[in-house]
Amino acid sequence: MTLLTGPFRPGGMALAATYILTAALPLLLAHGQSAAPMDRWEYAAAALGMIALWGMAVQFVTSGRFEALSGKLGIDKIMAFHKLAAIWLGLAVVLHPLVYILPTWLEDPELGWIRLRFYLTDPAYRSGVISLAALLVLIGTSLLLDRLPWPYEAWRGTHIVLGLVAVLAGLHHAVAVGRFGAEGPLAWFWTLVALAVLGVVAVLYGWRWWLLHRRPWRLESVTNRADRMWELDIQPAQGTPQMPYQAGQFVWMTEGARRFPLFDHPFSIADSPARDGLSLLIKEAGDFTSKIGTLPEGRAIGIDGPYGEFTLEAHPADAVLLIGGGVGIAPVLGILRDMVARGDKRPVRLAYAVGQPQNFACLDELRAATESLNLQLWLLSEEQADIPDLSQGRLTRDRLSDMLNGLTPDRTRAFICGPGPMVVAVSDTLLDIGMPMSNVIYERFDYSGNARSRLDRARTGRMLSIGAALLAIVTGFALSM
């Protein structure tokens, strides 16, 4: 079996090219329109504004809630790009008025400041100022999310409102006072963009809200699997169809009367598609999950999904390395259960690491899988316990080398899910011992950016190249006018 290698899978290359080409579309439309002659810097400022406005609209799509994107790239890559794009779009919006006044400021600094104050205070430009302020607050609150004394749901609601204000006010600014967008094809283009943004919001928070209530699921049982860790057996309610998914994917879940997309949370499916319904393995770790073990049987559950590419189908391999840390065992367990259900004959190496022995879940099931699969099992705890097959410590280089013993690294896929620092350490070590970067797949649901692996840094470099391409488009527009 030949594995894909290299920095991009075809889906990622196609999406990157699509992003860059569509970003150039408003500039192409503007290039064909007549406008009063301007300085090169002013043309660059106009281009920055148009690309930033288009990019802000696209942010509603790169939010991880559209499987057409997250299924091709994975939720970690999609959300990393969403965050990075927000930063460079914010920079473009800030530079937009500053570059406009740069020629004036270079000739007469005092007159330049007067012109800037005019842009910031004149009523005609008010919607542009509102767009700028909303975007800066949105980016600031996102970067400081862990320090804000807000419930997560309140931040999400604020994030959506600020995003809508930034885009719609920016579109009004482009059509009302834009040098190119006041009339002609570009004005129609911005109108279509506004309708598209409203349509995306309607799908996310209207259509999906309706589906959560029109097609409810039912909580069949709640079983304690480890310390503060619960397995939820969720079945379709009457009239709700089974959900096709691949082992290792995740869903967004809500429960009871709070079945609204603003209140949902992502959980990996710890189950095989061969079984009806689905199982979620959830650890008490926050406001939403703190009462998960007390949910009554029969409670209405909202399921939105499936999402993600943490699957064997998306990453074919001759051999499989499964590594789970803490509750990160959930998608790993789902993949393993599916391999058992299908009688998979490939070599499988599974490592399960926890801080304390009481945090292990489903050990009997993992051990039983060694009898039906070509499976070797490593159980690791930072604290020692009287468990025969338990090792004390972490997943060191030597242990990971032992796991790969007898396997060909470039024909093996490693699937890692767990806390951010563990994912970084394990993925970097796998690269050190010879596994190709394209063969390491992980999922964290942790987008803080505090823990960055070599794979994260490589992805960031590729994403920055997209920003560089946009800057080249802006420069080309200014020089060609």
Protein backbone atom coordinates (compact mmCIF):
# COMPACT_ATOMS: atom_id res chain seq x y z
CA MET A 1 0.00 0.00 0.00
CA THR A 2 1.47 3.34 -1.06
CA LEU A 3 0.98 6.19 1.37
CA LEU A 4 0.70 9.86 0.44
CA THR A 5 3.71 11.85 1.55
CA GLY A 6 4.67 15.51 1.50
CA PRO A 7 3.41 18.61 3.28
CA PHE A 8 -0.04 18.80 1.68
CA ARG A 9 -2.64 16.21 0.88
CA PRO A 10 -4.47 17.02 -2.38
CA GLY A 11 -7.51 18.32 -0.50
CA GLY A 12 -5.39 20.85 1.37
CA MET A 13 -3.65 22.06 -1.79
CA ALA A 14 -6.95 22.51 -3.58
CA LEU A 15 -8.48 24.44 -0.67
CA ALA A 16 -5.41 26.70 -0.35
CA ALA A 17 -5.52 27.47 -4.08
CA THR A 18 -9.26 28.13 -3.90
CA TYR A 19 -8.76 30.51 -0.97
CA ILE A 20 -6.10 32.52 -2.81
CA LEU A 21 -7.94 32.64 -6.14
CA THR A 22 -11.27 33.70 -4.67
CA ALA A 23 -9.49 36.36 -2.60
CA ALA A 24 -8.33 37.88 -5.86
CA LEU A 25 -11.87 38.02 -7.30
CA PRO A 26 -12.92 41.40 -5.80
CA LEU A 27 -9.63 42.90 -6.96
CA LEU A 28 -10.22 41.58 -10.48
CA LEU A 29 -13.69 43.15 -10.47
CA ALA A 30 -12.25 46.43 -9.18
CA HIS A 31 -9.54 46.36 -11.83
CA GLY A 32 -12.19 46.51 -14.54
CA GLN A 33 -13.96 49.52 -13.04
CA SER A 34 -13.14 53.17 -13.44
CA ALA A 35 -12.15 55.23 -10.41
CA ALA A 36 -10.53 58.57 -9.70
CA PRO A 37 -6.72 58.37 -10.09
CA MET A 38 -4.93 57.58 -6.82
CA ASP A 39 -1.43 57.14 -5.48
CA ARG A 40 0.00 53.59 -5.57
CA TRP A 41 -0.23 53.45 -1.79
CA GLU A 42 -3.92 54.34 -1.97
CA TYR A 43 -4.52 51.52 -4.46
CA ALA A 44 -2.73 49.19 -2.04
CA ALA A 45 -4.92 50.46 0.81
CA ALA A 46 -8.06 49.78 -1.21
CA ALA A 47 -6.81 46.28 -2.03
CA LEU A 48 -6.05 45.58 1.63
CA GLY A 49 -9.58 46.58 2.56
CA MET A 50 -11.17 44.42 -0.15
CA ILE A 51 -9.13 41.32 0.68
CA ALA A 52 -9.73 41.80 4.41
CA LEU A 53 -13.47 42.15 3.86
CA TRP A 54 -13.62 39.03 1.73
CA GLY A 55 -11.48 37.15 4.26
CA MET A 56 -13.71 38.15 7.18
CA ALA A 57 -16.69 36.70 5.33
CA VAL A 58 -14.82 33.44 4.69
CA GLN A 59 -14.08 33.13 8.43
CA PHE A 60 -17.71 32.12 8.92
CA VAL A 61 -17.01 29.06 6.77
CA THR A 62 -13.60 28.14 8.28
CA SER A 63 -15.11 27.71 11.75
CA GLY A 64 -14.86 23.93 11.79
CA ARG A 65 -18.60 23.37 11.38
CA PHE A 66 -18.60 22.40 7.70
CA GLU A 67 -17.55 18.83 6.97
CA ALA A 68 -16.60 19.76 3.39
CA LEU A 69 -13.62 21.58 4.97
CA SER A 70 -12.95 19.83 8.27
CA GLY A 71 -13.31 16.43 6.62
CA LYS A 72 -10.55 17.24 4.13
CA LEU A 73 -8.09 18.87 6.52
CA GLY A 74 -9.05 17.90 10.05
CA ILE A 75 -10.39 20.10 12.82
CA ASP A 76 -6.92 20.96 14.21
CA LYS A 77 -5.71 22.36 10.89
CA ILE A 78 -8.97 24.14 10.15
CA MET A 79 -9.04 25.90 13.52
CA ALA A 80 -5.33 26.76 13.36
CA PHE A 81 -5.94 28.43 10.00
CA HIS A 82 -9.06 30.19 11.33
CA LYS A 83 -7.01 31.74 14.15
CA LEU A 84 -4.03 32.70 12.00
CA ALA A 85 -6.23 34.19 9.27
CA ALA A 86 -8.04 36.31 11.88
CA ILE A 87 -4.71 37.87 12.87
CA TRP A 88 -3.59 38.78 9.36
CA LEU A 89 -7.08 40.02 8.46
CA GLY A 90 -7.06 42.22 11.55
CA LEU A 91 -3.67 43.58 10.50
CA ALA A 92 -5.00 44.30 6.99
CA VAL A 93 -8.01 46.15 8.38
CA VAL A 94 -5.79 48.29 10.64
CA LEU A 95 -3.42 49.06 7.75
CA HIS A 96 -6.29 49.91 5.39
CA PRO A 97 -6.81 53.53 6.61
CA LEU A 98 -3.16 53.99 7.58
CA VAL A 99 -1.86 53.15 4.11
CA TYR A 100 -4.49 55.45 2.61
CA ILE A 101 -3.06 58.45 4.46
CA LEU A 102 0.60 57.41 4.03
CA PRO A 103 1.27 59.58 0.93
CA THR A 104 -0.24 62.62 2.67
CA TRP A 105 1.66 61.91 5.88
CA LEU A 106 4.98 61.58 4.00
CA GLU A 107 4.47 65.00 2.42
CA ASP A 108 2.97 66.72 5.46
CA PRO A 109 2.73 64.71 8.74
CA GLU A 110 0.34 67.21 10.33
CA LEU A 111 -2.03 67.02 7.37
CA GLY A 112 -1.73 63.24 7.45
CA TRP A 113 -2.95 63.12 11.05
CA ILE A 114 -5.82 65.46 10.16
CA ARG A 115 -6.82 63.13 7.33
CA LEU A 116 -6.68 60.08 9.64
CA ARG A 117 -8.86 61.82 12.27
CA PHE A 118 -11.29 62.65 9.49
CA TYR A 119 -11.56 58.98 8.49
CA LEU A 120 -12.10 57.99 12.12
CA THR A 121 -14.67 60.64 13.00
CA ASP A 122 -16.60 61.60 9.86
CA PRO A 123 -20.12 60.03 9.86
CA ALA A 124 -19.66 58.82 6.30
CA TYR A 125 -16.91 56.46 7.46
CA ARG A 126 -18.62 55.37 10.69
CA SER A 127 -19.51 51.87 9.49
CA GLY A 128 -15.86 51.27 8.61
CA VAL A 129 -14.77 52.36 12.09
CA ILE A 130 -17.42 50.09 13.64
CA SER A 131 -16.16 47.18 11.54
CA LEU A 132 -12.57 47.84 12.65
CA ALA A 133 -13.54 48.12 16.33
CA ALA A 134 -15.67 44.94 16.25
CA LEU A 135 -12.88 42.95 14.61
CA LEU A 136 -10.25 44.14 17.09
CA VAL A 137 -12.49 43.31 20.07
CA LEU A 138 -13.25 39.91 18.53
CA ILE A 139 -9.56 39.08 18.08
CA GLY A 140 -8.65 40.43 21.51
CA THR A 141 -11.32 38.44 23.37
CA SER A 142 -10.32 35.31 21.44
CA LEU A 143 -6.66 35.66 22.39
CA LEU A 144 -7.63 36.30 26.04
CA LEU A 145 -10.36 33.66 26.19
CA ASP A 146 -8.75 31.64 29.00
CA ARG A 147 -8.41 34.79 31.15
CA LEU A 148 -11.89 36.21 30.67
CA PRO A 149 -14.40 35.67 33.51
CA TRP A 150 -17.09 34.64 31.02
CA PRO A 151 -18.91 31.36 30.54
CA TYR A 152 -17.74 29.73 27.33
CA GLU A 153 -21.22 30.01 25.81
CA ALA A 154 -21.24 33.78 26.46
CA TRP A 155 -17.93 34.12 24.63
CA ARG A 156 -19.24 32.09 21.70
CA GLY A 157 -22.34 34.26 21.43
CA THR A 158 -20.25 37.44 21.60
CA HIS A 159 -17.85 36.02 19.00
CA ILE A 160 -20.68 35.43 16.54
CA VAL A 161 -22.25 38.86 17.08
CA LEU A 162 -18.92 40.68 16.76
CA GLY A 163 -18.11 38.73 13.60
CA LEU A 164 -21.44 39.64 12.03
CA VAL A 165 -21.03 43.31 12.98
CA ALA A 166 -17.49 43.41 11.58
CA VAL A 167 -18.49 41.86 8.24
CA LEU A 168 -21.81 43.63 7.68
CA ALA A 169 -20.49 47.04 8.76
CA GLY A 170 -17.45 46.50 6.55
CA LEU A 171 -19.66 45.61 3.59
CA HIS A 172 -21.74 48.75 4.17
CA HIS A 173 -18.53 50.79 4.28
CA ALA A 174 -17.32 49.25 0.99
CA VAL A 175 -20.57 49.98 -0.83
CA ALA A 176 -21.18 53.41 0.72
CA VAL A 177 -17.74 55.04 0.41
CA GLY A 178 -15.48 52.49 -1.28
CA ARG A 179 -13.54 53.78 -4.26
CA PHE A 180 -14.55 50.72 -6.30
CA GLY A 181 -17.51 49.18 -4.47
CA ALA A 182 -20.09 51.97 -4.64
CA GLU A 183 -21.48 50.78 -7.98
CA GLY A 184 -21.00 48.28 -10.78
CA PRO A 185 -20.09 44.58 -10.54
CA LEU A 186 -18.19 44.97 -7.26
CA ALA A 187 -21.23 46.46 -5.52
CA TRP A 188 -23.24 43.43 -6.60
CA PHE A 189 -20.42 41.15 -5.46
CA TRP A 190 -20.44 42.64 -1.95
CA THR A 191 -24.23 42.31 -1.83
CA LEU A 192 -23.92 38.61 -2.66
CA VAL A 193 -21.22 38.23 0.01
CA ALA A 194 -23.55 39.79 2.61
CA LEU A 195 -26.34 37.39 1.61
CA ALA A 196 -23.92 34.45 1.75
CA VAL A 197 -22.78 35.39 5.28
CA LEU A 198 -26.37 35.68 6.47
CA GLY A 199 -27.10 32.36 4.78
CA VAL A 200 -24.21 30.63 6.60
CA VAL A 201 -25.42 32.02 9.95
CA ALA A 202 -28.96 30.88 9.14
CA VAL A 203 -27.69 27.36 8.41
CA LEU A 204 -25.53 27.18 11.54
CA TYR A 205 -27.99 28.64 14.02
CA GLY A 206 -31.34 28.21 12.30
CA TRP A 207 -31.39 25.09 10.18
CA ARG A 208 -29.19 23.11 12.55
CA TRP A 209 -31.23 24.25 15.56
CA TRP A 210 -34.33 22.95 13.77
CA LEU A 211 -32.63 19.61 13.04
CA LEU A 212 -31.56 19.21 16.69
CA HIS A 213 -35.23 19.36 17.67
CA ARG A 214 -36.68 17.67 14.59
CA ARG A 215 -34.32 14.68 14.87
CA PRO A 216 -33.56 14.18 18.55
CA TRP A 217 -31.53 11.38 20.05
CA ARG A 218 -32.18 9.64 23.37
CA LEU A 219 -29.81 8.92 26.23
CA GLU A 220 -30.08 5.18 26.74
CA SER A 221 -27.61 4.81 29.62
CA VAL A 222 -24.74 6.45 31.50
CA THR A 223 -21.96 4.17 32.76
CA ASN A 224 -19.00 5.12 34.94
CA ARG A 225 -15.80 3.95 33.21
CA ALA A 226 -13.11 5.64 35.32
CA ASP A 227 -12.63 8.41 37.84
CA ARG A 228 -15.08 11.17 36.74
CA MET A 229 -15.31 9.56 33.29
CA TRP A 230 -18.61 8.42 31.85
CA GLU A 231 -19.70 6.52 28.78
CA LEU A 232 -22.97 7.68 27.25
CA ASP A 233 -24.94 5.26 25.10
CA ILE A 234 -27.02 7.47 22.79
CA GLN A 235 -29.67 6.05 20.47
CA PRO A 236 -31.78 7.74 17.77
CA ALA A 237 -35.25 8.62 19.00
CA GLN A 238 -38.24 7.39 17.05
CA GLY A 239 -38.20 8.94 13.58
CA THR A 240 -34.52 9.93 13.79
CA PRO A 241 -32.33 8.10 11.23
CA GLN A 242 -29.08 6.40 12.16
CA MET A 243 -26.06 8.63 11.61
CA PRO A 244 -23.44 7.28 9.21
CA TYR A 245 -19.94 8.00 10.49
CA GLN A 246 -16.41 6.65 10.52
CA ALA A 247 -14.71 5.44 13.70
CA GLY A 248 -12.62 8.25 15.22
CA GLN A 249 -14.86 11.11 14.14
CA PHE A 250 -16.56 13.47 16.59
CA VAL A 251 -19.94 15.14 17.08
CA TRP A 252 -21.22 18.32 18.68
CA MET A 253 -23.58 17.41 21.52
CA THR A 254 -26.28 19.31 23.39
CA GLU A 255 -28.85 18.00 25.84
CA GLY A 256 -32.34 18.73 27.13
CA ALA A 257 -33.90 22.10 26.45
CA ARG A 258 -30.48 23.58 25.59
CA ARG A 259 -30.44 21.92 22.17
CA PHE A 260 -29.14 24.98 20.36
CA PRO A 261 -25.81 25.19 18.49
CA LEU A 262 -24.55 27.92 20.80
CA PHE A 263 -24.56 25.45 23.73
CA ASP A 264 -23.01 22.41 22.07
CA HIS A 265 -19.62 20.87 22.80
CA PRO A 266 -17.38 18.53 20.75
CA PHE A 267 -16.93 14.91 21.85
CA SER A 268 -15.21 12.06 20.04
CA ILE A 269 -17.23 8.98 19.16
CA ALA A 270 -15.91 6.00 21.14
CA ASP A 271 -17.79 3.49 19.04
CA SER A 272 -17.92 1.45 15.85
CA PRO A 273 -20.36 2.25 13.01
CA ALA A 274 -21.16 -1.48 13.05
CA ARG A 275 -23.29 -0.86 16.16
CA ASP A 276 -26.56 1.07 16.14
CA GLY A 277 -26.45 4.43 17.89
CA LEU A 278 -23.20 5.82 19.23
CA SER A 279 -21.15 5.99 22.38
CA LEU A 280 -19.42 9.07 23.82
CA LEU A 281 -16.72 8.86 26.49
CA ILE A 282 -16.78 12.11 28.49
CA LYS A 283 -14.70 13.29 31.45
CA GLU A 284 -15.92 15.84 33.96
CA ALA A 285 -13.76 18.86 33.18
CA GLY A 286 -15.96 21.98 33.08
CA ASP A 287 -19.38 23.52 33.57
CA PHE A 288 -21.08 21.42 30.91
CA THR A 289 -19.41 18.11 31.74
CA SER A 290 -19.48 18.43 35.54
CA LYS A 291 -23.01 16.99 35.67
CA ILE A 292 -22.69 14.55 32.79
CA GLY A 293 -22.83 11.53 35.09
CA THR A 294 -26.17 12.63 36.55
CA LEU A 295 -28.06 12.95 33.27
CA PRO A 296 -31.22 10.83 33.49
CA GLU A 297 -31.91 8.01 31.09
CA GLY A 298 -34.31 9.13 28.39
CA ARG A 299 -32.94 12.68 28.28
CA ALA A 300 -33.27 14.26 24.82
CA ILE A 301 -29.86 14.67 23.19
CA GLY A 302 -28.92 16.86 20.24
CA ILE A 303 -26.28 15.44 17.90
CA ASP A 304 -24.66 17.46 15.10
CA GLY A 305 -22.15 15.57 13.02
CA PRO A 306 -20.14 13.66 12.21
CA TYR A 307 -16.98 15.73 11.74
CA GLY A 308 -13.25 15.15 11.51
CA GLU A 309 -10.66 13.07 9.69
CA PHE A 310 -9.15 11.17 12.64
CA THR A 311 -10.03 7.94 10.85
CA LEU A 312 -8.40 4.96 9.19
CA GLU A 313 -10.45 5.64 6.06
CA ALA A 314 -8.91 9.11 5.68
CA HIS A 315 -5.38 7.81 6.36
CA PRO A 316 -4.86 4.34 4.88
CA ALA A 317 -1.93 2.40 6.30
CA ASP A 318 -0.39 -1.07 6.50
CA ALA A 319 0.02 -0.78 10.27
CA VAL A 320 -1.57 1.41 12.93
CA LEU A 321 -0.16 3.14 16.01
CA LEU A 322 -2.91 4.27 18.43
CA ILE A 323 -1.93 6.57 21.31
CA GLY A 324 -4.42 7.98 23.81
CA GLY A 325 -3.84 10.16 26.86
CA GLY A 326 -6.56 10.55 29.50
CA VAL A 327 -9.97 11.03 27.92
CA GLY A 328 -8.15 11.16 24.58
CA ILE A 329 -8.65 7.40 24.60
CA ALA A 330 -12.20 8.04 23.31
CA PRO A 331 -11.54 8.19 19.52
CA VAL A 332 -8.77 5.61 19.90
CA LEU A 333 -11.25 3.28 21.56
CA GLY A 334 -13.71 3.94 18.75
CA ILE A 335 -11.12 2.99 16.12
CA LEU A 336 -10.15 -0.12 18.10
CA ARG A 337 -13.78 -1.20 18.56
CA ASP A 338 -14.34 -0.83 14.84
CA MET A 339 -11.24 -2.86 14.01
CA VAL A 340 -12.54 -5.62 16.29
CA ALA A 341 -15.98 -5.45 14.68
CA ARG A 342 -14.46 -5.74 11.19
CA GLY A 343 -11.88 -8.35 12.10
CA ASP A 344 -9.03 -6.11 10.92
CA LYS A 345 -5.80 -8.09 10.39
CA ARG A 346 -3.31 -5.21 10.35
CA PRO A 347 -0.67 -4.90 13.10
CA VAL A 348 -1.90 -2.53 15.81
CA ARG A 349 0.12 -0.98 18.62
CA LEU A 350 -1.85 0.83 21.31
CA ALA A 351 -0.46 2.97 24.13
CA TYR A 352 -2.76 4.36 26.83
CA ALA A 353 -1.23 6.88 29.24
CA VAL A 354 -2.85 8.43 32.33
CA GLY A 355 -1.74 10.40 35.35
CA GLN A 356 -3.23 8.04 37.96
CA PRO A 357 -4.30 4.38 37.64
CA GLN A 358 -7.93 5.20 38.53
CA ASN A 359 -8.12 7.21 35.31
CA PHE A 360 -7.91 4.11 33.12
CA ALA A 361 -11.13 3.31 31.25
CA CYS A 362 -12.26 0.04 29.63
CA LEU A 363 -9.07 -1.88 30.46
CA ASP A 364 -10.78 -5.27 30.27
CA GLU A 365 -12.04 -4.44 26.78
CA LEU A 366 -8.59 -3.30 25.65
CA ARG A 367 -7.01 -6.49 26.95
CA ALA A 368 -9.67 -8.63 25.31
CA ALA A 369 -8.94 -6.97 21.97
CA THR A 370 -5.43 -8.50 22.02
CA GLU A 371 -7.08 -11.91 21.52
CA SER A 372 -8.99 -10.95 18.35
CA LEU A 373 -6.57 -8.44 16.79
CA ASN A 374 -2.87 -8.41 15.98
CA LEU A 375 -2.57 -5.97 18.89
CA GLN A 376 0.17 -5.11 21.36
CA LEU A 377 -0.85 -3.01 24.36
CA TRP A 378 1.13 -0.53 26.48
CA LEU A 379 -0.51 0.80 29.69
CA LEU A 380 1.30 3.71 31.34
CA SER A 381 0.60 5.63 34.53
CA GLU A 382 2.66 8.35 36.13
CA GLU A 383 1.82 6.75 39.49
CA GLN A 384 2.59 3.11 40.22
CA ALA A 385 -0.19 0.65 41.07
CA ASP A 386 -0.52 -3.07 41.62
CA ILE A 387 -1.64 -3.83 38.07
CA PRO A 388 0.25 -6.67 36.34
CA ASP A 389 0.61 -5.15 32.86
CA LEU A 390 1.03 -1.52 34.01
CA SER A 391 4.26 0.41 33.50
CA GLN A 392 5.12 3.56 35.42
CA GLY A 393 6.21 6.69 33.58
CA ARG A 394 5.51 8.41 30.29
CA LEU A 395 5.75 7.63 26.60
CA THR A 396 9.50 8.08 26.25
CA ARG A 397 11.58 7.76 23.10
CA ASP A 398 12.55 4.19 24.06
CA ARG A 399 8.94 3.15 24.57
CA LEU A 400 7.82 4.68 21.28
CA SER A 401 10.74 2.93 19.55
CA ASP A 402 9.55 -0.36 21.09
CA MET A 403 6.08 0.27 19.75
CA LEU A 404 7.46 0.75 16.23
CA ASN A 405 9.67 -2.30 16.45
CA GLY A 406 8.89 -4.61 13.53
CA LEU A 407 6.87 -1.95 11.68
CA THR A 408 7.93 0.12 8.69
CA PRO A 409 7.57 3.79 9.76
CA ASP A 410 6.69 5.13 6.32
CA ARG A 411 3.91 2.54 5.97
CA THR A 412 2.51 3.11 9.47
CA ARG A 413 0.08 5.80 10.60
CA ALA A 414 0.16 7.15 14.13
CA PHE A 415 -3.12 8.44 15.61
CA ILE A 416 -2.65 10.52 18.77
CA CYS A 417 -5.31 12.11 20.96
CA GLY A 418 -4.77 13.60 24.40
CA PRO A 419 -3.65 16.71 26.30
CA GLY A 420 -1.75 19.28 24.25
CA PRO A 421 1.68 18.85 25.89
CA MET A 422 1.49 15.07 25.53
CA VAL A 423 0.49 15.30 21.86
CA VAL A 424 3.39 17.68 21.17
CA ALA A 425 5.95 15.49 22.96
CA VAL A 426 4.81 12.24 21.36
CA SER A 427 4.43 13.60 17.83
CA ASP A 428 7.86 15.27 17.93
CA THR A 429 9.48 12.09 19.25
CA LEU A 430 7.88 9.99 16.51
CA LEU A 431 9.43 12.34 13.95
CA ASP A 432 12.79 12.01 15.69
CA ILE A 433 12.74 8.22 15.41
CA GLY A 434 11.94 8.22 11.72
CA MET A 435 8.20 8.47 11.17
CA PRO A 436 7.31 10.79 8.25
CA MET A 437 5.50 13.97 9.24
CA SER A 438 2.57 13.16 6.94
CA ASN A 439 1.99 9.89 8.83
CA VAL A 440 1.38 11.56 12.21
CA ILE A 441 -2.28 12.50 12.81
CA TYR A 442 -3.56 14.04 16.01
CA GLU A 443 -6.60 15.70 17.49
CA ARG A 444 -6.71 17.87 20.59
CA PHE A 445 -9.77 20.17 20.69
CA ASP A 446 -7.21 22.57 22.18
CA TYR A 447 -6.71 25.67 20.05
CA SER A 448 -4.95 27.89 22.60
CA GLY A 449 -1.66 27.52 20.72
CA ASN A 450 0.35 27.22 23.95
CA ALA A 451 1.74 23.81 23.00
CA ARG A 452 3.17 23.68 19.49
CA SER A 453 4.70 20.65 17.85
CA ARG A 454 7.04 20.62 14.88
CA LEU A 455 4.06 19.60 12.79
CA ASP A 456 2.16 22.66 14.09
CA ARG A 457 5.06 24.91 13.15
CA ALA A 458 5.33 23.38 9.69
CA ARG A 459 1.61 23.92 9.15
CA THR A 460 1.91 27.51 10.34
CA GLY A 461 4.66 28.10 7.80
CA ARG A 462 2.47 26.78 5.00
CA MET A 463 -0.46 28.89 6.19
CA LEU A 464 1.74 31.98 6.31
CA SER A 465 2.62 31.31 2.68
CA ILE A 466 -1.08 31.84 1.90
CA GLY A 467 -0.87 35.23 3.62
CA ALA A 468 2.24 36.01 1.60
CA ALA A 469 0.34 35.15 -1.60
CA LEU A 470 -2.43 37.57 -0.60
CA LEU A 471 0.16 40.30 0.02
CA ALA A 472 1.58 39.62 -3.46
CA ILE A 473 -1.93 40.03 -4.92
CA VAL A 474 -2.33 43.37 -3.11
CA THR A 475 1.06 44.53 -4.44
CA GLY A 476 0.24 43.40 -7.96
CA PHE A 477 -3.07 45.27 -7.87
CA ALA A 478 -1.39 48.50 -6.74
CA LEU A 479 1.33 48.30 -9.38
CA SER A 480 -1.04 47.45 -12.22
CA MET A 481 -3.48 50.33 -11.71
